[in-house]
C-alpha cells in the first residue's frame, strides 16, 4: 500500500491535475489516502508528483514512531540552588 499526502493547495491548478487528485481521493491539503501499489496508481501519482508526497507502509510507520519518540514525555530538569 502507498500513503499519498496532498502537500500543495488546489487553487489555480489545471483541470487535469484536479481530476487526477479527485481520482486519487484527495480533496484538501494535508489529507492522507491509502491506495494500492499498482501501475495505474503510480501513473496517477507521477502526473501530480509536484503536489503530493508518497510513503510506503514501513516508511510511514518509521516516521510516526520517530515523531512519537520526539514528543514523548521527558522528566523535567530540576536545579537545586545552594543556600548562601
PDB file of N, CA and C in Angstrom:
ATOM      1  N   UNK A   1       0.833  -1.181   0.000  1.00  0.00           N
ATOM      2  CA  UNK A   1       0.000   0.000   0.000  1.00  0.00           C
ATOM      3  C   UNK A   1       0.883   1.251   0.000  1.00  0.00           C
ATOM      4  N   UNK A   2       0.364   2.276  -0.611  1.00  0.00           N
ATOM      5  CA  UNK A   2       1.041   3.567  -0.639  1.00  0.00           C
ATOM      6  C   UNK A   2       0.189   4.585   0.104  1.00  0.00           C
ATOM      7  N   UNK A   3       0.837   5.459   0.841  1.00  0.00           N
ATOM      8  CA  UNK A   3       0.157   6.540   1.534  1.00  0.00           C
ATOM      9  C   UNK A   3       0.501   7.830   0.801  1.00  0.00           C
ATOM     10  N   UNK A   4      -0.506   8.494   0.250  1.00  0.00           N
ATOM     11  CA  UNK A   4      -0.302   9.700  -0.543  1.00  0.00           C
ATOM     12  C   UNK A   4      -0.876  10.884   0.238  1.00  0.00           C
ATOM     13  N   UNK A   5      -0.066  11.940   0.390  1.00  0.00           N
ATOM     14  CA  UNK A   5      -0.470  13.140   1.108  1.00  0.00           C
ATOM     15  C   UNK A   5      -0.460  14.316   0.154  1.00  0.00           C
ATOM     16  N   UNK A   6      -1.544  15.078   0.136  1.00  0.00           N
ATOM     17  CA  UNK A   6      -1.599  16.287  -0.681  1.00  0.00           C
ATOM     18  C   UNK A   6      -0.854  17.385   0.054  1.00  0.00           C
ATOM     19  N   UNK A   7       0.232  17.893  -0.516  1.00  0.00           N
ATOM     20  CA  UNK A   7       1.091  18.878   0.129  1.00  0.00           C
ATOM     21  C   UNK A   7       0.864  20.296  -0.363  1.00  0.00           C
ATOM     22  N   UNK A   8       0.304  20.466  -1.525  1.00  0.00           N
ATOM     23  CA  UNK A   8       0.073  21.798  -2.087  1.00  0.00           C
ATOM     24  C   UNK A   8      -1.423  22.037  -2.241  1.00  0.00           C
ATOM     25  N   UNK A   9      -1.817  23.284  -2.250  1.00  0.00           N
ATOM     26  CA  UNK A   9      -3.217  23.640  -2.408  1.00  0.00           C
ATOM     27  C   UNK A   9      -3.695  23.424  -3.836  1.00  0.00           C
ATOM     28  N   UNK A  10      -5.008  23.476  -4.007  1.00  0.00           N
ATOM     29  CA  UNK A  10      -5.606  23.205  -5.310  1.00  0.00           C
ATOM     30  C   UNK A  10      -5.895  24.473  -6.114  1.00  0.00           C
ATOM     31  N   UNK A  11      -5.768  25.632  -5.508  1.00  0.00           N
ATOM     32  CA  UNK A  11      -6.107  26.881  -6.183  1.00  0.00           C
ATOM     33  C   UNK A  11      -5.197  27.109  -7.386  1.00  0.00           C
ATOM     34  N   UNK A  12      -5.810  27.411  -8.518  1.00  0.00           N
ATOM     35  CA  UNK A  12      -5.056  27.742  -9.718  1.00  0.00           C
ATOM     36  C   UNK A  12      -4.489  26.561 -10.475  1.00  0.00           C
ATOM     37  N   UNK A  13      -4.811  25.355 -10.097  1.00  0.00           N
ATOM     38  CA  UNK A  13      -4.279  24.169 -10.779  1.00  0.00           C
ATOM     39  C   UNK A  13      -5.158  23.844 -11.988  1.00  0.00           C
ATOM     40  N   UNK A  14      -4.573  23.190 -12.974  1.00  0.00           N
ATOM     41  CA  UNK A  14      -5.317  22.860 -14.191  1.00  0.00           C
ATOM     42  C   UNK A  14      -6.360  21.788 -13.896  1.00  0.00           C
ATOM     43  N   UNK A  15      -7.337  21.698 -14.774  1.00  0.00           N
ATOM     44  CA  UNK A  15      -8.414  20.717 -14.605  1.00  0.00           C
ATOM     45  C   UNK A  15      -7.880  19.294 -14.635  1.00  0.00           C
ATOM     46  N   UNK A  16      -6.825  19.077 -15.401  1.00  0.00           N
ATOM     47  CA  UNK A  16      -6.227  17.747 -15.488  1.00  0.00           C
ATOM     48  C   UNK A  16      -5.681  17.307 -14.124  1.00  0.00           C
ATOM     49  N   UNK A  17      -4.987  18.216 -13.455  1.00  0.00           N
ATOM     50  CA  UNK A  17      -4.461  17.900 -12.126  1.00  0.00           C
ATOM     51  C   UNK A  17      -5.587  17.689 -11.127  1.00  0.00           C
ATOM     52  N   UNK A  18      -6.613  18.531 -11.186  1.00  0.00           N
ATOM     53  CA  UNK A  18      -7.729  18.416 -10.253  1.00  0.00           C
ATOM     54  C   UNK A  18      -8.461  17.085 -10.423  1.00  0.00           C
ATOM     55  N   UNK A  19      -8.648  16.658 -11.653  1.00  0.00           N
ATOM     56  CA  UNK A  19      -9.312  15.369 -11.909  1.00  0.00           C
ATOM     57  C   UNK A  19      -8.461  14.216 -11.387  1.00  0.00           C
ATOM     58  N   UNK A  20      -7.162  14.286 -11.594  1.00  0.00           N
ATOM     59  CA  UNK A  20      -6.273  13.228 -11.126  1.00  0.00           C
ATOM     60  C   UNK A  20      -6.294  13.149  -9.604  1.00  0.00           C
ATOM     61  N   UNK A  21      -6.241  14.291  -8.932  1.00  0.00           N
ATOM     62  CA  UNK A  21      -6.288  14.305  -7.469  1.00  0.00           C
ATOM     63  C   UNK A  21      -7.633  13.794  -6.957  1.00  0.00           C
ATOM     64  N   UNK A  22      -8.708  14.143  -7.658  1.00  0.00           N
ATOM     65  CA  UNK A  22     -10.040  13.654  -7.274  1.00  0.00           C
ATOM     66  C   UNK A  22     -10.113  12.132  -7.420  1.00  0.00           C
ATOM     67  N   UNK A  23      -9.502  11.608  -8.472  1.00  0.00           N
ATOM     68  CA  UNK A  23      -9.467  10.161  -8.691  1.00  0.00           C
ATOM     69  C   UNK A  23      -8.676   9.460  -7.594  1.00  0.00           C
ATOM     70  N   UNK A  24      -7.615  10.096  -7.130  1.00  0.00           N
ATOM     71  CA  UNK A  24      -6.822   9.536  -6.034  1.00  0.00           C
ATOM     72  C   UNK A  24      -7.549   9.643  -4.693  1.00  0.00           C
ATOM     73  N   UNK A  25      -8.568  10.501  -4.621  1.00  0.00           N
ATOM     74  CA  UNK A  25      -9.335  10.662  -3.393  1.00  0.00           C
ATOM     75  C   UNK A  25      -8.860  11.807  -2.526  1.00  0.00           C
ATOM     76  N   UNK A  26      -8.062  12.705  -3.092  1.00  0.00           N
ATOM     77  CA  UNK A  26      -7.521  13.839  -2.339  1.00  0.00           C
ATOM     78  C   UNK A  26      -8.368  15.081  -2.592  1.00  0.00           C
ATOM     79  N   UNK A  27      -8.866  15.677  -1.511  1.00  0.00           N
ATOM     80  CA  UNK A  27      -9.742  16.835  -1.649  1.00  0.00           C
ATOM     81  C   UNK A  27      -9.204  18.076  -0.958  1.00  0.00           C
ATOM     82  N   UNK A  28      -8.435  17.890   0.115  1.00  0.00           N
ATOM     83  CA  UNK A  28      -7.930  19.042   0.844  1.00  0.00           C
ATOM     84  C   UNK A  28      -6.471  18.846   1.221  1.00  0.00           C
ATOM     85  N   UNK A  29      -5.831  19.952   1.526  1.00  0.00           N
ATOM     86  CA  UNK A  29      -4.414  19.956   1.837  1.00  0.00           C
ATOM     87  C   UNK A  29      -4.125  19.132   3.091  1.00  0.00           C
ATOM     88  N   UNK A  30      -3.024  18.401   3.080  1.00  0.00           N
ATOM     89  CA  UNK A  30      -2.553  17.526   4.164  1.00  0.00           C
ATOM     90  C   UNK A  30      -3.457  16.317   4.403  1.00  0.00           C
ATOM     91  N   UNK A  31      -4.366  16.051   3.492  1.00  0.00           N
ATOM     92  CA  UNK A  31      -5.183  14.840   3.577  1.00  0.00           C
ATOM     93  C   UNK A  31      -4.338  13.654   3.133  1.00  0.00           C
ATOM     94  N   UNK A  32      -4.479  12.527   3.828  1.00  0.00           N
ATOM     95  CA  UNK A  32      -3.720  11.320   3.508  1.00  0.00           C
ATOM     96  C   UNK A  32      -4.695  10.241   3.075  1.00  0.00           C
ATOM     97  N   UNK A  33      -4.391   9.590   1.952  1.00  0.00           N
ATOM     98  CA  UNK A  33      -5.198   8.464   1.489  1.00  0.00           C
ATOM     99  C   UNK A  33      -4.299   7.254   1.290  1.00  0.00           C
ATOM    100  N   UNK A  34      -4.878   6.095   1.459  1.00  0.00           N
ATOM    101  CA  UNK A  34      -4.164   4.839   1.276  1.00  0.00           C
ATOM    102  C   UNK A  34      -4.645   4.231  -0.040  1.00  0.00           C
ATOM    103  N   UNK A  35      -3.707   4.007  -0.955  1.00  0.00           N
ATOM    104  CA  UNK A  35      -4.080   3.454  -2.262  1.00  0.00           C
ATOM    105  C   UNK A  35      -3.217   2.229  -2.549  1.00  0.00           C
ATOM    106  N   UNK A  36      -3.695   1.338  -3.405  1.00  0.00           N
ATOM    107  CA  UNK A  36      -2.897   0.148  -3.734  1.00  0.00           C
ATOM    108  C   UNK A  36      -1.680   0.515  -4.579  1.00  0.00           C
ATOM    109  N   UNK A  37      -0.631  -0.257  -4.421  1.00  0.00           N
ATOM    110  CA  UNK A  37       0.599  -0.028  -5.179  1.00  0.00           C
ATOM    111  C   UNK A  37       0.520  -0.834  -6.469  1.00  0.00           C
ATOM    112  N   UNK A  38      -0.040  -0.216  -7.509  1.00  0.00           N
ATOM    113  CA  UNK A  38      -0.128  -0.861  -8.817  1.00  0.00           C
ATOM    114  C   UNK A  38       0.250   0.160  -9.894  1.00  0.00           C
ATOM    115  N   UNK A  39       0.460  -0.295 -11.122  1.00  0.00           N
ATOM    116  CA  UNK A  39       0.897   0.628 -12.175  1.00  0.00           C
ATOM    117  C   UNK A  39      -0.064   1.787 -12.425  1.00  0.00           C
ATOM    118  N   UNK A  40      -1.367   1.562 -12.313  1.00  0.00           N
ATOM    119  CA  UNK A  40      -2.334   2.636 -12.546  1.00  0.00           C
ATOM    120  C   UNK A  40      -2.189   3.734 -11.496  1.00  0.00           C
ATOM    121  N   UNK A  41      -2.074   3.346 -10.245  1.00  0.00           N
ATOM    122  CA  UNK A  41      -1.916   4.327  -9.161  1.00  0.00           C
ATOM    123  C   UNK A  41      -0.598   5.076  -9.295  1.00  0.00           C
ATOM    124  N   UNK A  42       0.467   4.362  -9.620  1.00  0.00           N
ATOM    125  CA  UNK A  42       1.768   5.019  -9.770  1.00  0.00           C
ATOM    126  C   UNK A  42       1.755   5.996 -10.943  1.00  0.00           C
ATOM    127  N   UNK A  43       1.011   5.688 -11.989  1.00  0.00           N
ATOM    128  CA  UNK A  43       0.884   6.611 -13.117  1.00  0.00           C
ATOM    129  C   UNK A  43       0.164   7.883 -12.728  1.00  0.00           C
ATOM    130  N   UNK A  44      -0.901   7.749 -11.933  1.00  0.00           N
ATOM    131  CA  UNK A  44      -1.627   8.928 -11.462  1.00  0.00           C
ATOM    132  C   UNK A  44      -0.743   9.774 -10.559  1.00  0.00           C
ATOM    133  N   UNK A  45       0.018   9.114  -9.693  1.00  0.00           N
ATOM    134  CA  UNK A  45       0.906   9.846  -8.788  1.00  0.00           C
ATOM    135  C   UNK A  45       1.980  10.586  -9.579  1.00  0.00           C
ATOM    136  N   UNK A  46       2.491   9.969 -10.629  1.00  0.00           N
ATOM    137  CA  UNK A  46       3.549  10.621 -11.407  1.00  0.00           C
ATOM    138  C   UNK A  46       3.040  11.882 -12.108  1.00  0.00           C
ATOM    139  N   UNK A  47       1.734  11.951 -12.410  1.00  0.00           N
ATOM    140  CA  UNK A  47       1.175  13.152 -13.033  1.00  0.00           C
ATOM    141  C   UNK A  47       1.147  14.331 -12.070  1.00  0.00           C
ATOM    142  N   UNK A  48       0.965  14.046 -10.786  1.00  0.00           N
ATOM    143  CA  UNK A  48       0.836  15.119  -9.803  1.00  0.00           C
ATOM    144  C   UNK A  48       1.931  15.038  -8.738  1.00  0.00           C
ATOM    145  N   UNK A  49       3.090  14.522  -9.122  1.00  0.00           N
ATOM    146  CA  UNK A  49       4.164  14.302  -8.150  1.00  0.00           C
ATOM    147  C   UNK A  49       4.660  15.590  -7.511  1.00  0.00           C
ATOM    148  N   UNK A  50       4.464  16.728  -8.156  1.00  0.00           N
ATOM    149  CA  UNK A  50       4.887  18.001  -7.596  1.00  0.00           C
ATOM    150  C   UNK A  50       3.901  18.541  -6.561  1.00  0.00           C
ATOM    151  N   UNK A  51       2.738  17.886  -6.425  1.00  0.00           N
ATOM    152  CA  UNK A  51       1.715  18.326  -5.473  1.00  0.00           C
ATOM    153  C   UNK A  51       1.570  17.396  -4.275  1.00  0.00           C
ATOM    154  N   UNK A  52       2.126  16.188  -4.360  1.00  0.00           N
ATOM    155  CA  UNK A  52       1.904  15.176  -3.334  1.00  0.00           C
ATOM    156  C   UNK A  52       3.227  14.625  -2.814  1.00  0.00           C
ATOM    157  N   UNK A  53       3.147  13.934  -1.669  1.00  0.00           N
ATOM    158  CA  UNK A  53       4.270  13.144  -1.184  1.00  0.00           C
ATOM    159  C   UNK A  53       3.763  11.721  -0.993  1.00  0.00           C
ATOM    160  N   UNK A  54       4.651  10.746  -1.215  1.00  0.00           N
ATOM    161  CA  UNK A  54       4.264   9.337  -1.198  1.00  0.00           C
ATOM    162  C   UNK A  54       5.157   8.587  -0.222  1.00  0.00           C
ATOM    163  N   UNK A  55       4.527   7.710   0.586  1.00  0.00           N
ATOM    164  CA  UNK A  55       5.258   6.863   1.524  1.00  0.00           C
ATOM    165  C   UNK A  55       4.731   5.439   1.422  1.00  0.00           C
ATOM    166  N   UNK A  56       5.612   4.490   1.644  1.00  0.00           N
ATOM    167  CA  UNK A  56       5.172   3.105   1.766  1.00  0.00           C
ATOM    168  C   UNK A  56       4.792   2.871   3.227  1.00  0.00           C
ATOM    169  N   UNK A  57       4.187   1.726   3.520  1.00  0.00           N
ATOM    170  CA  UNK A  57       3.756   1.425   4.882  1.00  0.00           C
ATOM    171  C   UNK A  57       4.925   1.411   5.874  1.00  0.00           C
ATOM    172  N   UNK A  58       6.067   0.753   5.564  1.00  0.00           N
ATOM    173  CA  UNK A  58       7.185   0.792   6.523  1.00  0.00           C
ATOM    174  C   UNK A  58       7.767   2.195   6.733  1.00  0.00           C
ATOM    175  N   UNK A  59       7.833   2.991   5.676  1.00  0.00           N
ATOM    176  CA  UNK A  59       8.336   4.358   5.810  1.00  0.00           C
ATOM    177  C   UNK A  59       7.425   5.181   6.701  1.00  0.00           C
ATOM    178  N   UNK A  60       6.123   5.025   6.520  1.00  0.00           N
ATOM    179  CA  UNK A  60       5.150   5.764   7.331  1.00  0.00           C
ATOM    180  C   UNK A  60       5.243   5.354   8.790  1.00  0.00           C
ATOM    181  N   UNK A  61       5.359   4.044   9.051  1.00  0.00           N
ATOM    182  CA  UNK A  61       5.453   3.560  10.428  1.00  0.00           C
ATOM    183  C   UNK A  61       6.713   4.098  11.105  1.00  0.00           C
ATOM    184  N   UNK A  62       7.829   4.115  10.391  1.00  0.00           N
ATOM    185  CA  UNK A  62       9.080   4.633  10.951  1.00  0.00           C
ATOM    186  C   UNK A  62       8.970   6.124  11.243  1.00  0.00           C
ATOM    187  N   UNK A  63       8.335   6.887  10.351  1.00  0.00           N
ATOM    188  CA  UNK A  63       8.187   8.329  10.556  1.00  0.00           C
ATOM    189  C   UNK A  63       7.298   8.622  11.761  1.00  0.00           C
ATOM    190  N   UNK A  64       6.210   7.890  11.893  1.00  0.00           N
ATOM    191  CA  UNK A  64       5.298   8.104  13.023  1.00  0.00           C
ATOM    192  C   UNK A  64       5.976   7.720  14.331  1.00  0.00           C
ATOM    193  N   UNK A  65       6.748   6.629  14.330  1.00  0.00           N
ATOM    194  CA  UNK A  65       7.466   6.221  15.539  1.00  0.00           C
ATOM    195  C   UNK A  65       8.494   7.278  15.934  1.00  0.00           C
ATOM    196  N   UNK A  66       9.184   7.854  14.965  1.00  0.00           N
ATOM    197  CA  UNK A  66      10.172   8.890  15.259  1.00  0.00           C
ATOM    198  C   UNK A  66       9.501  10.138  15.824  1.00  0.00           C
ATOM    199  N   UNK A  67       8.328  10.499  15.284  1.00  0.00           N
ATOM    200  CA  UNK A  67       7.593  11.652  15.802  1.00  0.00           C
ATOM    201  C   UNK A  67       7.156  11.416  17.242  1.00  0.00           C
ATOM    202  N   UNK A  68       6.655  10.218  17.520  1.00  0.00           N
ATOM    203  CA  UNK A  68       6.208   9.909  18.871  1.00  0.00           C
ATOM    204  C   UNK A  68       7.378   9.922  19.847  1.00  0.00           C
ATOM    205  N   UNK A  69       8.536   9.428  19.418  1.00  0.00           N
ATOM    206  CA  UNK A  69       9.707   9.447  20.281  1.00  0.00           C
ATOM    207  C   UNK A  69      10.160  10.882  20.547  1.00  0.00           C
ATOM    208  N   UNK A  70      10.061  11.722  19.551  1.00  0.00           N
ATOM    209  CA  UNK A  70      10.468  13.114  19.711  1.00  0.00           C
ATOM    210  C   UNK A  70       9.560  13.851  20.693  1.00  0.00           C
ATOM    211  N   UNK A  71       8.273  13.536  20.681  1.00  0.00           N
ATOM    212  CA  UNK A  71       7.307  14.226  21.526  1.00  0.00           C
ATOM    213  C   UNK A  71       6.971  13.467  22.801  1.00  0.00           C
ATOM    214  N   UNK A  72       7.741  12.446  23.112  1.00  0.00           N
ATOM    215  CA  UNK A  72       7.477  11.651  24.318  1.00  0.00           C
ATOM    216  C   UNK A  72       7.769  12.486  25.565  1.00  0.00           C
ATOM    217  N   UNK A  73       7.141  12.108  26.653  1.00  0.00           N
ATOM    218  CA  UNK A  73       7.317  12.820  27.919  1.00  0.00           C
ATOM    219  C   UNK A  73       8.732  12.635  28.431  1.00  0.00           C
ATOM    220  N   UNK A  74       9.333  13.729  28.858  1.00  0.00           N
ATOM    221  CA  UNK A  74      10.659  13.684  29.463  1.00  0.00           C
ATOM    222  C   UNK A  74      10.561  14.277  30.864  1.00  0.00           C
ATOM    223  N   UNK A  75      11.355  13.750  31.750  1.00  0.00           N
ATOM    224  CA  UNK A  75      11.395  14.281  33.107  1.00  0.00           C
ATOM    225  C   UNK A  75      11.905  15.715  33.072  1.00  0.00           C
ATOM    226  N   UNK A  76      11.312  16.590  33.876  1.00  0.00           N
ATOM    227  CA  UNK A  76      11.788  17.974  33.896  1.00  0.00           C
ATOM    228  C   UNK A  76      13.170  18.075  34.526  1.00  0.00           C
ATOM    229  N   UNK A  77      13.910  19.077  34.130  1.00  0.00           N
ATOM    230  CA  UNK A  77      15.226  19.325  34.689  1.00  0.00           C
ATOM    231  C   UNK A  77      15.038  20.117  35.981  1.00  0.00           C
ATOM    232  N   UNK A  78      15.622  19.633  37.050  1.00  0.00           N
ATOM    233  CA  UNK A  78      15.472  20.284  38.358  1.00  0.00           C
ATOM    234  C   UNK A  78      16.814  20.860  38.768  1.00  0.00           C
ATOM    235  N   UNK A  79      16.828  22.153  39.067  1.00  0.00           N
ATOM    236  CA  UNK A  79      18.028  22.810  39.545  1.00  0.00           C
ATOM    237  C   UNK A  79      17.892  23.024  41.038  1.00  0.00           C
ATOM    238  N   UNK A  80      18.925  22.672  41.783  1.00  0.00           N
ATOM    239  CA  UNK A  80      18.929  22.907  43.223  1.00  0.00           C
ATOM    240  C   UNK A  80      19.920  24.024  43.509  1.00  0.00           C
ATOM    241  N   UNK A  81      19.406  25.081  44.128  1.00  0.00           N
ATOM    242  CA  UNK A  81      20.252  26.213  44.443  1.00  0.00           C
ATOM    243  C   UNK A  81      20.844  26.010  45.839  1.00  0.00           C
ATOM    244  N   UNK A  82      22.090  26.281  45.979  1.00  0.00           N
ATOM    245  CA  UNK A  82      22.708  26.165  47.286  1.00  0.00           C
ATOM    246  C   UNK A  82      22.404  27.397  48.112  1.00  0.00           C
ATOM    247  N   UNK A  83      22.274  27.198  49.408  1.00  0.00           N
ATOM    248  CA  UNK A  83      21.997  28.339  50.279  1.00  0.00           C
ATOM    249  C   UNK A  83      23.309  29.045  50.607  1.00  0.00           C
ATOM    250  N   UNK A  84      23.236  30.357  50.688  1.00  0.00           N
ATOM    251  CA  UNK A  84      24.439  31.147  50.964  1.00  0.00           C
ATOM    252  C   UNK A  84      24.623  31.411  52.425  1.00  0.00           C
TER     253      UNK A  84
END
